Amino acid sequence: MTAYQPPGEPGAATGPAHGPGPRYDAVVLAGGAARRLGGTDKPGVRVGGRPLLDRVLAACAT
């Protein structure tokens, strides 16, 4: 999979909050019935001591 390149000059999507390099946006879809997890709150499932949603959001921030 390759990174999304917005229209314009390659690598031109920079911003003060992101420093040099490409800027990305993210949509996190979290939810559903979780039937295979016994109805557990999927975003709240702890992985390595942290809720899954927190881990995903932290990964998106970088």
PDB file of N, CA and C in Angstrom:
ATOM      1  N   MET A   1       0.842  -1.163   0.000  1.00  0.00           N
ATOM      2  CA  MET A   1       0.000   0.000   0.000  1.00  0.00           C
ATOM      3  C   MET A   1       0.893   1.233   0.000  1.00  0.00           C
ATOM      4  N   THR A   2       0.506   2.241  -0.737  1.00  0.00           N
ATOM      5  CA  THR A   2       1.293   3.469  -0.784  1.00  0.00           C
ATOM      6  C   THR A   2       0.548   4.584  -0.073  1.00  0.00           C
ATOM      7  N   ALA A   3       1.276   5.599   0.332  1.00  0.00           N
ATOM      8  CA  ALA A   3       0.682   6.740   1.021  1.00  0.00           C
ATOM      9  C   ALA A   3      -0.143   7.568   0.050  1.00  0.00           C
ATOM     10  N   TYR A   4      -1.205   8.137   0.540  1.00  0.00           N
ATOM     11  CA  TYR A   4      -2.033   9.040  -0.250  1.00  0.00           C
ATOM     12  C   TYR A   4      -1.253  10.307  -0.566  1.00  0.00           C
ATOM     13  N   GLN A   5      -1.254  10.719  -1.804  1.00  0.00           N
ATOM     14  CA  GLN A   5      -0.617  11.963  -2.201  1.00  0.00           C
ATOM     15  C   GLN A   5      -1.709  12.942  -2.609  1.00  0.00           C
ATOM     16  N   PRO A   6      -1.892  14.046  -1.859  1.00  0.00           N
ATOM     17  CA  PRO A   6      -2.905  15.022  -2.232  1.00  0.00           C
ATOM     18  C   PRO A   6      -2.538  15.691  -3.549  1.00  0.00           C
ATOM     19  N   PRO A   7      -3.519  16.310  -4.210  1.00  0.00           N
ATOM     20  CA  PRO A   7      -3.230  16.997  -5.470  1.00  0.00           C
ATOM     21  C   PRO A   7      -2.167  18.073  -5.267  1.00  0.00           C
ATOM     22  N   GLY A   8      -1.386  18.309  -6.295  1.00  0.00           N
ATOM     23  CA  GLY A   8      -0.343  19.337  -6.221  1.00  0.00           C
ATOM     24  C   GLY A   8       1.029  18.715  -6.319  1.00  0.00           C
ATOM     25  N   GLU A   9       2.002  19.439  -5.876  1.00  0.00           N
ATOM     26  CA  GLU A   9       3.383  18.965  -5.930  1.00  0.00           C
ATOM     27  C   GLU A   9       3.601  17.799  -4.972  1.00  0.00           C
ATOM     28  N   PRO A  10       4.312  16.757  -5.382  1.00  0.00           N
ATOM     29  CA  PRO A  10       4.596  15.645  -4.476  1.00  0.00           C
ATOM     30  C   PRO A  10       5.315  16.128  -3.220  1.00  0.00           C
ATOM     31  N   GLY A  11       4.824  15.698  -2.071  1.00  0.00           N
ATOM     32  CA  GLY A  11       5.440  16.069  -0.810  1.00  0.00           C
ATOM     33  C   GLY A  11       5.143  17.493  -0.363  1.00  0.00           C
ATOM     34  N   ALA A  12       4.248  18.206  -1.077  1.00  0.00           N
ATOM     35  CA  ALA A  12       3.980  19.598  -0.751  1.00  0.00           C
ATOM     36  C   ALA A  12       3.024  19.761   0.429  1.00  0.00           C
ATOM     37  N   ALA A  13       2.357  18.702   0.831  1.00  0.00           N
ATOM     38  CA  ALA A  13       1.378  18.804   1.916  1.00  0.00           C
ATOM     39  C   ALA A  13       2.081  18.800   3.258  1.00  0.00           C
ATOM     40  N   THR A  14       2.503  19.974   3.671  1.00  0.00           N
ATOM     41  CA  THR A  14       3.151  20.100   4.970  1.00  0.00           C
ATOM     42  C   THR A  14       2.361  21.105   5.786  1.00  0.00           C
ATOM     43  N   GLY A  15       2.568  21.087   7.059  1.00  0.00           N
ATOM     44  CA  GLY A  15       1.885  22.036   7.922  1.00  0.00           C
ATOM     45  C   GLY A  15       2.708  22.284   9.153  1.00  0.00           C
ATOM     46  N   PRO A  16       2.481  23.417   9.811  1.00  0.00           N
ATOM     47  CA  PRO A  16       3.295  23.752  10.973  1.00  0.00           C
ATOM     48  C   PRO A  16       3.186  22.723  12.086  1.00  0.00           C
ATOM     49  N   ALA A  17       2.035  22.088  12.222  1.00  0.00           N
ATOM     50  CA  ALA A  17       1.867  21.093  13.286  1.00  0.00           C
ATOM     51  C   ALA A  17       2.565  19.785  12.944  1.00  0.00           C
ATOM     52  N   HIS A  18       2.876  19.605  11.677  1.00  0.00           N
ATOM     53  CA  HIS A  18       3.418  18.319  11.235  1.00  0.00           C
ATOM     54  C   HIS A  18       4.877  18.381  10.828  1.00  0.00           C
ATOM     55  N   GLY A  19       5.421  19.562  10.718  1.00  0.00           N
ATOM     56  CA  GLY A  19       6.806  19.691  10.296  1.00  0.00           C
ATOM     57  C   GLY A  19       6.959  19.339   8.829  1.00  0.00           C
ATOM     58  N   PRO A  20       8.181  19.139   8.393  1.00  0.00           N
ATOM     59  CA  PRO A  20       8.398  18.803   6.983  1.00  0.00           C
ATOM     60  C   PRO A  20       7.876  17.409   6.665  1.00  0.00           C
ATOM     61  N   GLY A  21       7.471  17.228   5.452  1.00  0.00           N
ATOM     62  CA  GLY A  21       6.983  15.921   5.021  1.00  0.00           C
ATOM     63  C   GLY A  21       5.482  15.925   4.807  1.00  0.00           C
ATOM     64  N   PRO A  22       4.947  14.789   4.392  1.00  0.00           N
ATOM     65  CA  PRO A  22       3.521  14.719   4.082  1.00  0.00           C
ATOM     66  C   PRO A  22       2.646  14.830   5.328  1.00  0.00           C
ATOM     67  N   ARG A  23       1.444  15.312   5.153  1.00  0.00           N
ATOM     68  CA  ARG A  23       0.462  15.439   6.223  1.00  0.00           C
ATOM     69  C   ARG A  23      -0.651  14.426   5.946  1.00  0.00           C
ATOM     70  N   TYR A  24      -1.125  13.762   6.957  1.00  0.00           N
ATOM     71  CA  TYR A  24      -2.160  12.753   6.809  1.00  0.00           C
ATOM     72  C   TYR A  24      -3.346  13.059   7.710  1.00  0.00           C
ATOM     73  N   ASP A  25      -4.514  12.642   7.287  1.00  0.00           N
ATOM     74  CA  ASP A  25      -5.719  12.664   8.099  1.00  0.00           C
ATOM     75  C   ASP A  25      -6.126  11.221   8.320  1.00  0.00           C
ATOM     76  N   ALA A  26      -6.900  10.971   9.358  1.00  0.00           N
ATOM     77  CA  ALA A  26      -7.313   9.601   9.649  1.00  0.00           C
ATOM     78  C   ALA A  26      -8.766   9.573  10.090  1.00  0.00           C
ATOM     79  N   VAL A  27      -9.427   8.504   9.757  1.00  0.00           N
ATOM     80  CA  VAL A  27     -10.767   8.213  10.243  1.00  0.00           C
ATOM     81  C   VAL A  27     -10.669   6.889  10.971  1.00  0.00           C
ATOM     82  N   VAL A  28     -11.070   6.871  12.225  1.00  0.00           N
ATOM     83  CA  VAL A  28     -11.025   5.651  13.022  1.00  0.00           C
ATOM     84  C   VAL A  28     -12.450   5.160  13.194  1.00  0.00           C
ATOM     85  N   LEU A  29     -12.733   3.992  12.651  1.00  0.00           N
ATOM     86  CA  LEU A  29     -14.049   3.370  12.812  1.00  0.00           C
ATOM     87  C   LEU A  29     -13.944   2.382  13.959  1.00  0.00           C
ATOM     88  N   ALA A  30     -14.714   2.607  14.991  1.00  0.00           N
ATOM     89  CA  ALA A  30     -14.659   1.743  16.168  1.00  0.00           C
ATOM     90  C   ALA A  30     -16.082   1.435  16.601  1.00  0.00           C
ATOM     91  N   GLY A  31     -16.360   0.175  16.734  1.00  0.00           N
ATOM     92  CA  GLY A  31     -17.698  -0.203  17.182  1.00  0.00           C
ATOM     93  C   GLY A  31     -18.110  -1.515  16.558  1.00  0.00           C
ATOM     94  N   GLY A  32     -19.378  -1.740  16.520  1.00  0.00           N
ATOM     95  CA  GLY A  32     -19.911  -2.980  15.984  1.00  0.00           C
ATOM     96  C   GLY A  32     -20.398  -3.875  17.107  1.00  0.00           C
ATOM     97  N   ALA A  33     -20.955  -4.992  16.724  1.00  0.00           N
ATOM     98  CA  ALA A  33     -21.570  -5.897  17.695  1.00  0.00           C
ATOM     99  C   ALA A  33     -20.556  -6.722  18.480  1.00  0.00           C
ATOM    100  N   ALA A  34     -19.372  -6.921  17.969  1.00  0.00           N
ATOM    101  CA  ALA A  34     -18.315  -7.695  18.643  1.00  0.00           C
ATOM    102  C   ALA A  34     -18.790  -9.094  19.015  1.00  0.00           C
ATOM    103  N   ARG A  35     -19.517  -9.722  18.127  1.00  0.00           N
ATOM    104  CA  ARG A  35     -20.024 -11.073  18.415  1.00  0.00           C
ATOM    105  C   ARG A  35     -18.906 -12.064  18.675  1.00  0.00           C
ATOM    106  N   ARG A  36     -17.805 -11.952  17.943  1.00  0.00           N
ATOM    107  CA  ARG A  36     -16.692 -12.890  18.150  1.00  0.00           C
ATOM    108  C   ARG A  36     -15.946 -12.617  19.442  1.00  0.00           C
ATOM    109  N   LEU A  37     -16.170 -11.459  20.037  1.00  0.00           N
ATOM    110  CA  LEU A  37     -15.546 -11.123  21.320  1.00  0.00           C
ATOM    111  C   LEU A  37     -16.541 -11.217  22.470  1.00  0.00           C
ATOM    112  N   GLY A  38     -17.680 -11.842  22.216  1.00  0.00           N
ATOM    113  CA  GLY A  38     -18.685 -11.995  23.270  1.00  0.00           C
ATOM    114  C   GLY A  38     -19.375 -10.697  23.638  1.00  0.00           C
ATOM    115  N   GLY A  39     -19.458  -9.756  22.697  1.00  0.00           N
ATOM    116  CA  GLY A  39     -20.134  -8.490  22.940  1.00  0.00           C
ATOM    117  C   GLY A  39     -19.288  -7.460  23.672  1.00  0.00           C
ATOM    118  N   THR A  40     -17.997  -7.712  23.803  1.00  0.00           N
ATOM    119  CA  THR A  40     -17.080  -6.804  24.494  1.00  0.00           C
ATOM    120  C   THR A  40     -16.982  -5.470  23.765  1.00  0.00           C
ATOM    121  N   ASP A  41     -16.770  -4.404  24.503  1.00  0.00           N
ATOM    122  CA  ASP A  41     -16.541  -3.081  23.938  1.00  0.00           C
ATOM    123  C   ASP A  41     -15.177  -3.082  23.243  1.00  0.00           C
ATOM    124  N   LYS A  42     -15.170  -3.222  21.914  1.00  0.00           N
ATOM    125  CA  LYS A  42     -13.907  -3.362  21.190  1.00  0.00           C
ATOM    126  C   LYS A  42     -12.943  -2.198  21.400  1.00  0.00           C
ATOM    127  N   PRO A  43     -13.371  -0.945  21.310  1.00  0.00           N
ATOM    128  CA  PRO A  43     -12.409   0.149  21.528  1.00  0.00           C
ATOM    129  C   PRO A  43     -11.798   0.140  22.928  1.00  0.00           C
ATOM    130  N   GLY A  44     -12.491  -0.456  23.881  1.00  0.00           N
ATOM    131  CA  GLY A  44     -12.000  -0.490  25.248  1.00  0.00           C
ATOM    132  C   GLY A  44     -11.155  -1.699  25.587  1.00  0.00           C
ATOM    133  N   VAL A  45     -11.043  -2.665  24.656  1.00  0.00           N
ATOM    134  CA  VAL A  45     -10.232  -3.856  24.909  1.00  0.00           C
ATOM    135  C   VAL A  45      -8.794  -3.424  25.180  1.00  0.00           C
ATOM    136  N   ARG A  46      -8.207  -3.946  26.226  1.00  0.00           N
ATOM    137  CA  ARG A  46      -6.840  -3.555  26.595  1.00  0.00           C
ATOM    138  C   ARG A  46      -5.823  -4.424  25.858  1.00  0.00           C
ATOM    139  N   VAL A  47      -4.874  -3.751  25.233  1.00  0.00           N
ATOM    140  CA  VAL A  47      -3.760  -4.401  24.545  1.00  0.00           C
ATOM    141  C   VAL A  47      -2.494  -3.790  25.128  1.00  0.00           C
ATOM    142  N   GLY A  48      -1.681  -4.602  25.743  1.00  0.00           N
ATOM    143  CA  GLY A  48      -0.469  -4.081  26.368  1.00  0.00           C
ATOM    144  C   GLY A  48      -0.762  -3.082  27.472  1.00  0.00           C
ATOM    145  N   GLY A  49      -1.899  -3.254  28.158  1.00  0.00           N
ATOM    146  CA  GLY A  49      -2.248  -2.382  29.275  1.00  0.00           C
ATOM    147  C   GLY A  49      -2.956  -1.093  28.900  1.00  0.00           C
ATOM    148  N   ARG A  50      -3.171  -0.862  27.593  1.00  0.00           N
ATOM    149  CA  ARG A  50      -3.837   0.367  27.140  1.00  0.00           C
ATOM    150  C   ARG A  50      -5.048   0.011  26.301  1.00  0.00           C
ATOM    151  N   PRO A  51      -6.134   0.799  26.404  1.00  0.00           N
ATOM    152  CA  PRO A  51      -7.293   0.544  25.549  1.00  0.00           C
ATOM    153  C   PRO A  51      -6.911   0.617  24.070  1.00  0.00           C
ATOM    154  N   LEU A  52      -7.484  -0.260  23.277  1.00  0.00           N
ATOM    155  CA  LEU A  52      -7.175  -0.331  21.850  1.00  0.00           C
ATOM    156  C   LEU A  52      -7.380   1.013  21.162  1.00  0.00           C
ATOM    157  N   LEU A  53      -8.469   1.711  21.484  1.00  0.00           N
ATOM    158  CA  LEU A  53      -8.722   2.994  20.839  1.00  0.00           C
ATOM    159  C   LEU A  53      -7.607   4.007  21.155  1.00  0.00           C
ATOM    160  N   ASP A  54      -7.121   4.026  22.371  1.00  0.00           N
ATOM    161  CA  ASP A  54      -6.015   4.915  22.728  1.00  0.00           C
ATOM    162  C   ASP A  54      -4.766   4.610  21.910  1.00  0.00           C
ATOM    163  N   ARG A  55      -4.496   3.333  21.694  1.00  0.00           N
ATOM    164  CA  ARG A  55      -3.320   2.941  20.921  1.00  0.00           C
ATOM    165  C   ARG A  55      -3.451   3.394  19.466  1.00  0.00           C
ATOM    166  N   VAL A  56      -4.650   3.242  18.897  1.00  0.00           N
ATOM    167  CA  VAL A  56      -4.881   3.647  17.510  1.00  0.00           C
ATOM    168  C   VAL A  56      -4.750   5.159  17.372  1.00  0.00           C
ATOM    169  N   LEU A  57      -5.347   5.914  18.296  1.00  0.00           N
ATOM    170  CA  LEU A  57      -5.267   7.365  18.231  1.00  0.00           C
ATOM    171  C   LEU A  57      -3.838   7.862  18.390  1.00  0.00           C
ATOM    172  N   ALA A  58      -3.071   7.220  19.254  1.00  0.00           N
ATOM    173  CA  ALA A  58      -1.666   7.592  19.436  1.00  0.00           C
ATOM    174  C   ALA A  58      -0.881   7.330  18.150  1.00  0.00           C
ATOM    175  N   ALA A  59      -1.189   6.224  17.483  1.00  0.00           N
ATOM    176  CA  ALA A  59      -0.504   5.914  16.231  1.00  0.00           C
ATOM    177  C   ALA A  59      -0.866   6.926  15.151  1.00  0.00           C
ATOM    178  N   CYS A  60      -2.104   7.392  15.143  1.00  0.00           N
ATOM    179  CA  CYS A  60      -2.529   8.395  14.152  1.00  0.00           C
ATOM    180  C   CYS A  60      -1.877   9.745  14.408  1.00  0.00           C
ATOM    181  N   ALA A  61      -1.614  10.061  15.669  1.00  0.00           N
ATOM    182  CA  ALA A  61      -1.032  11.359  16.014  1.00  0.00           C
ATOM    183  C   ALA A  61       0.390  11.498  15.489  1.00  0.00           C
ATOM    184  N   THR A  62       1.111  10.383  15.359  1.00  0.00           N
ATOM    185  CA  THR A  62       2.477  10.464  14.870  1.00  0.00           C
ATOM    186  C   THR A  62       2.488  10.294  13.378  1.00  0.00           C
TER     187      THR A  62
END
